[in-house]
Amino acid sequence: MFKTQPQKIGLLLQKRQIRKAPAYQWQDLALQIIQELGVPAFKKSSVFKVCRDNPKEPVERALNETKELCRSGAKWRYFFKLIDNPTNAKK
């Protein structure tokens, strides 16, 4: 088989990618929603605004309902419909 040569530490350090952790919990939630629902680039800022302006519980509830009820199509549109519903915020 193939034998790999040991690499120098400097080369390994150059190849690594450093990711910053989100500063707030709502940012982490927004990134999770973007990934799970396949939100397009032009709507990502809207997801961040929803997560910033609303409590965590209604946002997570809308995410869970979206995953349960919307099996095909643009899931992110259904998510925004649930968030925009005023009765959803009261629960």
PDB file of N, CA and C in Angstrom:
ATOM      1  N   MET A   1       0.823  -1.184   0.000  1.00  0.00           N
ATOM      2  CA  MET A   1       0.000   0.000   0.000  1.00  0.00           C
ATOM      3  C   MET A   1       0.872   1.255   0.000  1.00  0.00           C
ATOM      4  N   PHE A   2       0.217   2.387   0.162  1.00  0.00           N
ATOM      5  CA  PHE A   2       0.918   3.661   0.160  1.00  0.00           C
ATOM      6  C   PHE A   2       1.448   3.976   1.545  1.00  0.00           C
ATOM      7  N   LYS A   3       2.659   4.448   1.583  1.00  0.00           N
ATOM      8  CA  LYS A   3       3.232   4.893   2.847  1.00  0.00           C
ATOM      9  C   LYS A   3       3.300   6.411   2.810  1.00  0.00           C
ATOM     10  N   THR A   4       2.816   7.018   3.857  1.00  0.00           N
ATOM     11  CA  THR A   4       2.866   8.478   3.911  1.00  0.00           C
ATOM     12  C   THR A   4       4.070   8.905   4.720  1.00  0.00           C
ATOM     13  N   GLN A   5       4.681   9.933   4.256  1.00  0.00           N
ATOM     14  CA  GLN A   5       5.827  10.491   4.942  1.00  0.00           C
ATOM     15  C   GLN A   5       5.352  11.398   6.069  1.00  0.00           C
ATOM     16  N   PRO A   6       6.071  11.460   7.164  1.00  0.00           N
ATOM     17  CA  PRO A   6       5.692  12.394   8.223  1.00  0.00           C
ATOM     18  C   PRO A   6       5.749  13.830   7.698  1.00  0.00           C
ATOM     19  N   GLN A   7       4.774  14.610   8.098  1.00  0.00           N
ATOM     20  CA  GLN A   7       4.720  15.998   7.656  1.00  0.00           C
ATOM     21  C   GLN A   7       5.246  16.906   8.755  1.00  0.00           C
ATOM     22  N   LYS A   8       5.749  18.032   8.321  1.00  0.00           N
ATOM     23  CA  LYS A   8       6.257  18.993   9.292  1.00  0.00           C
ATOM     24  C   LYS A   8       5.087  19.682   9.982  1.00  0.00           C
ATOM     25  N   ILE A   9       5.301  20.045  11.219  1.00  0.00           N
ATOM     26  CA  ILE A   9       4.243  20.675  12.008  1.00  0.00           C
ATOM     27  C   ILE A   9       3.813  21.995  11.381  1.00  0.00           C
ATOM     28  N   GLY A  10       4.720  22.751  10.833  1.00  0.00           N
ATOM     29  CA  GLY A  10       4.386  24.034  10.205  1.00  0.00           C
ATOM     30  C   GLY A  10       3.397  23.864   9.066  1.00  0.00           C
ATOM     31  N   LEU A  11       3.560  22.804   8.259  1.00  0.00           N
ATOM     32  CA  LEU A  11       2.632  22.552   7.158  1.00  0.00           C
ATOM     33  C   LEU A  11       1.249  22.165   7.679  1.00  0.00           C
ATOM     34  N   LEU A  12       1.205  21.392   8.731  1.00  0.00           N
ATOM     35  CA  LEU A  12      -0.076  20.997   9.306  1.00  0.00           C
ATOM     36  C   LEU A  12      -0.812  22.206   9.889  1.00  0.00           C
ATOM     37  N   LEU A  13      -0.077  23.092  10.532  1.00  0.00           N
ATOM     38  CA  LEU A  13      -0.698  24.278  11.112  1.00  0.00           C
ATOM     39  C   LEU A  13      -1.213  25.231  10.041  1.00  0.00           C
ATOM     40  N   GLN A  14      -0.559  25.265   8.906  1.00  0.00           N
ATOM     41  CA  GLN A  14      -1.007  26.126   7.813  1.00  0.00           C
ATOM     42  C   GLN A  14      -2.303  25.597   7.194  1.00  0.00           C
ATOM     43  N   LYS A  15      -2.486  24.303   7.186  1.00  0.00           N
ATOM     44  CA  LYS A  15      -3.651  23.688   6.555  1.00  0.00           C
ATOM     45  C   LYS A  15      -4.916  23.769   7.410  1.00  0.00           C
ATOM     46  N   ARG A  16      -4.757  23.903   8.707  1.00  0.00           N
ATOM     47  CA  ARG A  16      -5.933  23.878   9.579  1.00  0.00           C
ATOM     48  C   ARG A  16      -6.798  25.115   9.375  1.00  0.00           C
ATOM     49  N   GLN A  17      -8.075  24.941   9.605  1.00  0.00           N
ATOM     50  CA  GLN A  17      -9.028  26.039   9.483  1.00  0.00           C
ATOM     51  C   GLN A  17      -9.553  26.365  10.865  1.00  0.00           C
ATOM     52  N   ILE A  18      -9.549  27.625  11.186  1.00  0.00           N
ATOM     53  CA  ILE A  18     -10.022  28.069  12.487  1.00  0.00           C
ATOM     54  C   ILE A  18     -11.421  28.641  12.314  1.00  0.00           C
ATOM     55  N   ARG A  19     -12.366  28.091  13.071  1.00  0.00           N
ATOM     56  CA  ARG A  19     -13.743  28.584  13.040  1.00  0.00           C
ATOM     57  C   ARG A  19     -14.022  29.315  14.341  1.00  0.00           C
ATOM     58  N   LYS A  20     -14.600  30.483  14.213  1.00  0.00           N
ATOM     59  CA  LYS A  20     -14.990  31.232  15.391  1.00  0.00           C
ATOM     60  C   LYS A  20     -16.306  30.675  15.928  1.00  0.00           C
ATOM     61  N   ALA A  21     -16.392  30.584  17.222  1.00  0.00           N
ATOM     62  CA  ALA A  21     -17.637  30.165  17.846  1.00  0.00           C
ATOM     63  C   ALA A  21     -18.605  31.346  17.849  1.00  0.00           C
ATOM     64  N   PRO A  22     -19.910  31.078  17.728  1.00  0.00           N
ATOM     65  CA  PRO A  22     -20.876  32.171  17.780  1.00  0.00           C
ATOM     66  C   PRO A  22     -20.804  32.895  19.122  1.00  0.00           C
ATOM     67  N   ALA A  23     -21.002  34.211  19.082  1.00  0.00           N
ATOM     68  CA  ALA A  23     -20.915  35.018  20.289  1.00  0.00           C
ATOM     69  C   ALA A  23     -22.161  34.852  21.161  1.00  0.00           C
ATOM     70  N   TYR A  24     -23.304  34.619  20.559  1.00  0.00           N
ATOM     71  CA  TYR A  24     -24.555  34.496  21.286  1.00  0.00           C
ATOM     72  C   TYR A  24     -25.227  33.173  20.944  1.00  0.00           C
ATOM     73  N   GLN A  25     -26.093  32.696  21.833  1.00  0.00           N
ATOM     74  CA  GLN A  25     -26.794  31.434  21.592  1.00  0.00           C
ATOM     75  C   GLN A  25     -27.743  31.529  20.414  1.00  0.00           C
ATOM     76  N   TRP A  26     -28.351  32.695  20.201  1.00  0.00           N
ATOM     77  CA  TRP A  26     -29.287  32.827  19.085  1.00  0.00           C
ATOM     78  C   TRP A  26     -28.562  32.696  17.755  1.00  0.00           C
ATOM     79  N   GLN A  27     -27.277  33.056  17.707  1.00  0.00           N
ATOM     80  CA  GLN A  27     -26.518  32.891  16.468  1.00  0.00           C
ATOM     81  C   GLN A  27     -26.310  31.406  16.163  1.00  0.00           C
ATOM     82  N   ASP A  28     -26.041  30.645  17.201  1.00  0.00           N
ATOM     83  CA  ASP A  28     -25.863  29.205  17.022  1.00  0.00           C
ATOM     84  C   ASP A  28     -27.164  28.558  16.555  1.00  0.00           C
ATOM     85  N   LEU A  29     -28.284  28.996  17.132  1.00  0.00           N
ATOM     86  CA  LEU A  29     -29.595  28.494  16.710  1.00  0.00           C
ATOM     87  C   LEU A  29     -29.878  28.854  15.250  1.00  0.00           C
ATOM     88  N   ALA A  30     -29.544  30.076  14.866  1.00  0.00           N
ATOM     89  CA  ALA A  30     -29.756  30.505  13.477  1.00  0.00           C
ATOM     90  C   ALA A  30     -28.920  29.660  12.512  1.00  0.00           C
ATOM     91  N   LEU A  31     -27.688  29.387  12.870  1.00  0.00           N
ATOM     92  CA  LEU A  31     -26.839  28.557  12.006  1.00  0.00           C
ATOM     93  C   LEU A  31     -27.390  27.139  11.884  1.00  0.00           C
ATOM     94  N   GLN A  32     -27.947  26.622  12.970  1.00  0.00           N
ATOM     95  CA  GLN A  32     -28.567  25.296  12.936  1.00  0.00           C
ATOM     96  C   GLN A  32     -29.776  25.293  12.007  1.00  0.00           C
ATOM     97  N   ILE A  33     -30.612  26.327  12.089  1.00  0.00           N
ATOM     98  CA  ILE A  33     -31.800  26.417  11.241  1.00  0.00           C
ATOM     99  C   ILE A  33     -31.402  26.529   9.773  1.00  0.00           C
ATOM    100  N   ILE A  34     -30.414  27.353   9.492  1.00  0.00           N
ATOM    101  CA  ILE A  34     -29.946  27.534   8.115  1.00  0.00           C
ATOM    102  C   ILE A  34     -29.475  26.214   7.528  1.00  0.00           C
ATOM    103  N   GLN A  35     -28.753  25.454   8.323  1.00  0.00           N
ATOM    104  CA  GLN A  35     -28.238  24.178   7.829  1.00  0.00           C
ATOM    105  C   GLN A  35     -29.351  23.143   7.655  1.00  0.00           C
ATOM    106  N   GLU A  36     -30.227  23.021   8.635  1.00  0.00           N
ATOM    107  CA  GLU A  36     -31.246  21.976   8.586  1.00  0.00           C
ATOM    108  C   GLU A  36     -32.325  22.232   7.539  1.00  0.00           C
ATOM    109  N   LEU A  37     -32.660  23.493   7.307  1.00  0.00           N
ATOM    110  CA  LEU A  37     -33.746  23.799   6.380  1.00  0.00           C
ATOM    111  C   LEU A  37     -33.253  24.190   4.988  1.00  0.00           C
ATOM    112  N   GLY A  38     -31.964  24.276   4.809  1.00  0.00           N
ATOM    113  CA  GLY A  38     -31.427  24.635   3.494  1.00  0.00           C
ATOM    114  C   GLY A  38     -31.816  26.040   3.071  1.00  0.00           C
ATOM    115  N   VAL A  39     -31.656  26.981   3.976  1.00  0.00           N
ATOM    116  CA  VAL A  39     -32.043  28.369   3.701  1.00  0.00           C
ATOM    117  C   VAL A  39     -31.090  28.957   2.662  1.00  0.00           C
ATOM    118  N   PRO A  40     -31.632  29.587   1.603  1.00  0.00           N
ATOM    119  CA  PRO A  40     -30.757  30.195   0.588  1.00  0.00           C
ATOM    120  C   PRO A  40     -30.040  31.429   1.146  1.00  0.00           C
ATOM    121  N   ALA A  41     -28.996  31.831   0.455  1.00  0.00           N
ATOM    122  CA  ALA A  41     -28.137  32.926   0.924  1.00  0.00           C
ATOM    123  C   ALA A  41     -28.894  34.233   1.116  1.00  0.00           C
ATOM    124  N   PHE A  42     -29.872  34.517   0.271  1.00  0.00           N
ATOM    125  CA  PHE A  42     -30.567  35.795   0.371  1.00  0.00           C
ATOM    126  C   PHE A  42     -31.544  35.857   1.545  1.00  0.00           C
ATOM    127  N   LYS A  43     -31.779  34.751   2.236  1.00  0.00           N
ATOM    128  CA  LYS A  43     -32.683  34.734   3.379  1.00  0.00           C
ATOM    129  C   LYS A  43     -31.979  34.456   4.715  1.00  0.00           C
ATOM    130  N   LYS A  44     -30.672  34.283   4.683  1.00  0.00           N
ATOM    131  CA  LYS A  44     -29.943  33.967   5.911  1.00  0.00           C
ATOM    132  C   LYS A  44     -30.037  35.085   6.939  1.00  0.00           C
ATOM    133  N   SER A  45     -29.983  36.317   6.500  1.00  0.00           N
ATOM    134  CA  SER A  45     -30.065  37.431   7.452  1.00  0.00           C
ATOM    135  C   SER A  45     -31.433  37.470   8.126  1.00  0.00           C
ATOM    136  N   SER A  46     -32.462  37.033   7.431  1.00  0.00           N
ATOM    137  CA  SER A  46     -33.802  36.982   8.022  1.00  0.00           C
ATOM    138  C   SER A  46     -33.871  35.944   9.139  1.00  0.00           C
ATOM    139  N   VAL A  47     -33.180  34.839   8.965  1.00  0.00           N
ATOM    140  CA  VAL A  47     -33.151  33.813  10.002  1.00  0.00           C
ATOM    141  C   VAL A  47     -32.450  34.354  11.245  1.00  0.00           C
ATOM    142  N   PHE A  48     -31.352  35.066  11.051  1.00  0.00           N
ATOM    143  CA  PHE A  48     -30.647  35.660  12.181  1.00  0.00           C
ATOM    144  C   PHE A  48     -31.531  36.676  12.903  1.00  0.00           C
ATOM    145  N   LYS A  49     -32.292  37.465  12.148  1.00  0.00           N
ATOM    146  CA  LYS A  49     -33.182  38.452  12.757  1.00  0.00           C
ATOM    147  C   LYS A  49     -34.290  37.767  13.558  1.00  0.00           C
ATOM    148  N   VAL A  50     -34.857  36.705  13.020  1.00  0.00           N
ATOM    149  CA  VAL A  50     -35.906  35.960  13.729  1.00  0.00           C
ATOM    150  C   VAL A  50     -35.356  35.413  15.045  1.00  0.00           C
ATOM    151  N   CYS A  51     -34.174  34.834  15.001  1.00  0.00           N
ATOM    152  CA  CYS A  51     -33.587  34.241  16.203  1.00  0.00           C
ATOM    153  C   CYS A  51     -33.184  35.300  17.222  1.00  0.00           C
ATOM    154  N   ARG A  52     -32.783  36.459  16.757  1.00  0.00           N
ATOM    155  CA  ARG A  52     -32.382  37.540  17.654  1.00  0.00           C
ATOM    156  C   ARG A  52     -33.592  38.186  18.321  1.00  0.00           C
ATOM    157  N   ASP A  53     -34.672  38.381  17.588  1.00  0.00           N
ATOM    158  CA  ASP A  53     -35.815  39.144  18.074  1.00  0.00           C
ATOM    159  C   ASP A  53     -36.844  38.319  18.831  1.00  0.00           C
ATOM    160  N   ASN A  54     -36.828  37.003  18.694  1.00  0.00           N
ATOM    161  CA  ASN A  54     -37.833  36.150  19.325  1.00  0.00           C
ATOM    162  C   ASN A  54     -37.189  35.272  20.399  1.00  0.00           C
ATOM    163  N   PRO A  55     -37.985  34.874  21.395  1.00  0.00           N
ATOM    164  CA  PRO A  55     -37.463  33.926  22.389  1.00  0.00           C
ATOM    165  C   PRO A  55     -37.117  32.584  21.739  1.00  0.00           C
ATOM    166  N   LYS A  56     -36.257  31.840  22.387  1.00  0.00           N
ATOM    167  CA  LYS A  56     -35.749  30.585  21.835  1.00  0.00           C
ATOM    168  C   LYS A  56     -36.850  29.535  21.660  1.00  0.00           C
ATOM    169  N   GLU A  57     -37.782  29.454  22.606  1.00  0.00           N
ATOM    170  CA  GLU A  57     -38.797  28.398  22.585  1.00  0.00           C
ATOM    171  C   GLU A  57     -39.699  28.452  21.353  1.00  0.00           C
ATOM    172  N   PRO A  58     -40.273  29.625  20.990  1.00  0.00           N
ATOM    173  CA  PRO A  58     -41.124  29.638  19.780  1.00  0.00           C
ATOM    174  C   PRO A  58     -40.338  29.346  18.496  1.00  0.00           C
ATOM    175  N   VAL A  59     -39.089  29.760  18.462  1.00  0.00           N
ATOM    176  CA  VAL A  59     -38.273  29.507  17.266  1.00  0.00           C
ATOM    177  C   VAL A  59     -38.000  28.014  17.142  1.00  0.00           C
ATOM    178  N   GLU A  60     -37.650  27.376  18.251  1.00  0.00           N
ATOM    179  CA  GLU A  60     -37.411  25.930  18.207  1.00  0.00           C
ATOM    180  C   GLU A  60     -38.685  25.160  17.900  1.00  0.00           C
ATOM    181  N   ARG A  61     -39.820  25.636  18.423  1.00  0.00           N
ATOM    182  CA  ARG A  61     -41.095  24.995  18.139  1.00  0.00           C
ATOM    183  C   ARG A  61     -41.408  25.074  16.645  1.00  0.00           C
ATOM    184  N   ALA A  62     -41.183  26.247  16.059  1.00  0.00           N
ATOM    185  CA  ALA A  62     -41.431  26.412  14.623  1.00  0.00           C
ATOM    186  C   ALA A  62     -40.496  25.525  13.806  1.00  0.00           C
ATOM    187  N   LEU A  63     -39.251  25.407  14.235  1.00  0.00           N
ATOM    188  CA  LEU A  63     -38.299  24.538  13.539  1.00  0.00           C
ATOM    189  C   LEU A  63     -38.754  23.080  13.606  1.00  0.00           C
ATOM    190  N   ASN A  64     -39.155  22.636  14.780  1.00  0.00           N
ATOM    191  CA  ASN A  64     -39.607  21.245  14.930  1.00  0.00           C
ATOM    192  C   ASN A  64     -40.880  20.974  14.133  1.00  0.00           C
ATOM    193  N   GLU A  65     -41.822  21.905  14.153  1.00  0.00           N
ATOM    194  CA  GLU A  65     -43.048  21.724  13.373  1.00  0.00           C
ATOM    195  C   GLU A  65     -42.744  21.702  11.876  1.00  0.00           C
ATOM    196  N   THR A  66     -41.814  22.525  11.457  1.00  0.00           N
ATOM    197  CA  THR A  66     -41.430  22.549  10.043  1.00  0.00           C
ATOM    198  C   THR A  66     -40.846  21.207   9.636  1.00  0.00           C
ATOM    199  N   LYS A  67     -39.966  20.653  10.457  1.00  0.00           N
ATOM    200  CA  LYS A  67     -39.350  19.370  10.129  1.00  0.00           C
ATOM    201  C   LYS A  67     -40.385  18.243  10.111  1.00  0.00           C
ATOM    202  N   GLU A  68     -41.403  18.338  10.977  1.00  0.00           N
ATOM    203  CA  GLU A  68     -42.432  17.296  11.023  1.00  0.00           C
ATOM    204  C   GLU A  68     -43.426  17.405   9.876  1.00  0.00           C
ATOM    205  N   LEU A  69     -43.862  18.619   9.567  1.00  0.00           N
ATOM    206  CA  LEU A  69     -44.982  18.802   8.643  1.00  0.00           C
ATOM    207  C   LEU A  69     -44.585  19.017   7.191  1.00  0.00           C
ATOM    208  N   CYS A  70     -43.450  19.601   6.947  1.00  0.00           N
ATOM    209  CA  CYS A  70     -43.044  19.922   5.580  1.00  0.00           C
ATOM    210  C   CYS A  70     -42.016  18.893   5.110  1.00  0.00           C
ATOM    211  N   ARG A  71     -42.466  17.944   4.348  1.00  0.00           N
ATOM    212  CA  ARG A  71     -41.589  16.861   3.889  1.00  0.00           C
ATOM    213  C   ARG A  71     -40.846  17.200   2.593  1.00  0.00           C
ATOM    214  N   SER A  72     -41.428  18.058   1.759  1.00  0.00           N
ATOM    215  CA  SER A  72     -40.780  18.384   0.494  1.00  0.00           C
ATOM    216  C   SER A  72     -40.957  19.872   0.211  1.00  0.00           C
ATOM    217  N   GLY A  73     -40.241  20.344  -0.781  1.00  0.00           N
ATOM    218  CA  GLY A  73     -40.353  21.755  -1.138  1.00  0.00           C
ATOM    219  C   GLY A  73     -39.413  22.613  -0.310  1.00  0.00           C
ATOM    220  N   ALA A  74     -39.690  23.893  -0.319  1.00  0.00           N
ATOM    221  CA  ALA A  74     -38.851  24.850   0.398  1.00  0.00           C
ATOM    222  C   ALA A  74     -39.280  24.892   1.861  1.00  0.00           C
ATOM    223  N   LYS A  75     -38.581  24.148   2.698  1.00  0.00           N
ATOM    224  CA  LYS A  75     -38.918  24.079   4.114  1.00  0.00           C
ATOM    225  C   LYS A  75     -38.766  25.440   4.787  1.00  0.00           C
ATOM    226  N   TRP A  76     -37.812  26.220   4.326  1.00  0.00           N
ATOM    227  CA  TRP A  76     -37.565  27.511   4.962  1.00  0.00           C
ATOM    228  C   TRP A  76     -38.766  28.450   4.805  1.00  0.00           C
ATOM    229  N   ARG A  77     -39.504  28.326   3.709  1.00  0.00           N
ATOM    230  CA  ARG A  77     -40.704  29.165   3.530  1.00  0.00           C
ATOM    231  C   ARG A  77     -41.767  28.814   4.573  1.00  0.00           C
ATOM    232  N   TYR A  78     -41.935  27.522   4.823  1.00  0.00           N
ATOM    233  CA  TYR A  78     -42.903  27.078   5.823  1.00  0.00           C
ATOM    234  C   TYR A  78     -42.483  27.569   7.209  1.00  0.00           C
ATOM    235  N   PHE A  79     -41.189  27.530   7.480  1.00  0.00           N
ATOM    236  CA  PHE A  79     -40.667  28.024   8.758  1.00  0.00           C
ATOM    237  C   PHE A  79     -41.031  29.493   8.953  1.00  0.00           C
ATOM    238  N   PHE A  80     -40.851  30.315   7.919  1.00  0.00           N
ATOM    239  CA  PHE A  80     -41.179  31.737   8.039  1.00  0.00           C
ATOM    240  C   PHE A  80     -42.685  31.962   8.193  1.00  0.00           C
ATOM    241  N   LYS A  81     -43.496  31.113   7.587  1.00  0.00           N
ATOM    242  CA  LYS A  81     -44.948  31.226   7.770  1.00  0.00           C
ATOM    243  C   LYS A  81     -45.325  30.942   9.222  1.00  0.00           C
ATOM    244  N   LEU A  82     -44.698  29.942   9.810  1.00  0.00           N
ATOM    245  CA  LEU A  82     -44.988  29.617  11.213  1.00  0.00           C
ATOM    246  C   LEU A  82     -44.527  30.730  12.151  1.00  0.00           C
ATOM    247  N   ILE A  83     -43.372  31.281  11.901  1.00  0.00           N
ATOM    248  CA  ILE A  83     -42.839  32.356  12.749  1.00  0.00           C
ATOM    249  C   ILE A  83     -43.676  33.614  12.621  1.00  0.00           C
ATOM    250  N   ASP A  84     -44.162  33.876  11.431  1.00  0.00           N
ATOM    251  CA  ASP A  84     -44.953  35.100  11.186  1.00  0.00           C
ATOM    252  C   ASP A  84     -46.342  35.005  11.782  1.00  0.00           C
ATOM    253  N   ASN A  85     -46.819  33.806  12.082  1.00  0.00           N
ATOM    254  CA  ASN A  85     -48.139  33.589  12.652  1.00  0.00           C
ATOM    255  C   ASN A  85     -48.195  34.144  14.070  1.00  0.00           C
ATOM    256  N   PRO A  86     -49.057  35.127  14.363  1.00  0.00           N
ATOM    257  CA  PRO A  86     -49.078  35.724  15.696  1.00  0.00           C
ATOM    258  C   PRO A  86     -49.508  34.764  16.795  1.00  0.00           C
ATOM    259  N   THR A  87     -50.267  33.724  16.497  1.00  0.00           N
ATOM    260  CA  THR A  87     -50.673  32.773  17.528  1.00  0.00           C
ATOM    261  C   THR A  87     -49.490  31.907  17.974  1.00  0.00           C
ATOM    262  N   ASN A  88     -48.503  31.762  17.123  1.00  0.00           N
ATOM    263  CA  ASN A  88     -47.325  30.983  17.456  1.00  0.00           C
ATOM    264  C   ASN A  88     -46.515  31.659  18.557  1.00  0.00           C
ATOM    265  N   ALA A  89     -46.467  32.983  18.540  1.00  0.00           N
ATOM    266  CA  ALA A  89     -45.685  33.733  19.515  1.00  0.00           C
ATOM    267  C   ALA A  89     -46.330  33.708  20.898  1.00  0.00           C
ATOM    268  N   LYS A  90     -47.641  33.525  20.967  1.00  0.00           N
ATOM    269  CA  LYS A  90     -48.364  33.547  22.244  1.00  0.00           C
ATOM    270  C   LYS A  90     -48.179  32.275  23.049  1.00  0.00           C
ATOM    271  N   LYS A  91     -47.910  31.149  22.399  1.00  0.00           N
ATOM    272  CA  LYS A  91     -47.821  29.856  23.084  1.00  0.00           C
ATOM    273  C   LYS A  91     -46.669  29.789  24.043  1.00  0.00           C
TER     274      LYS A  91
END
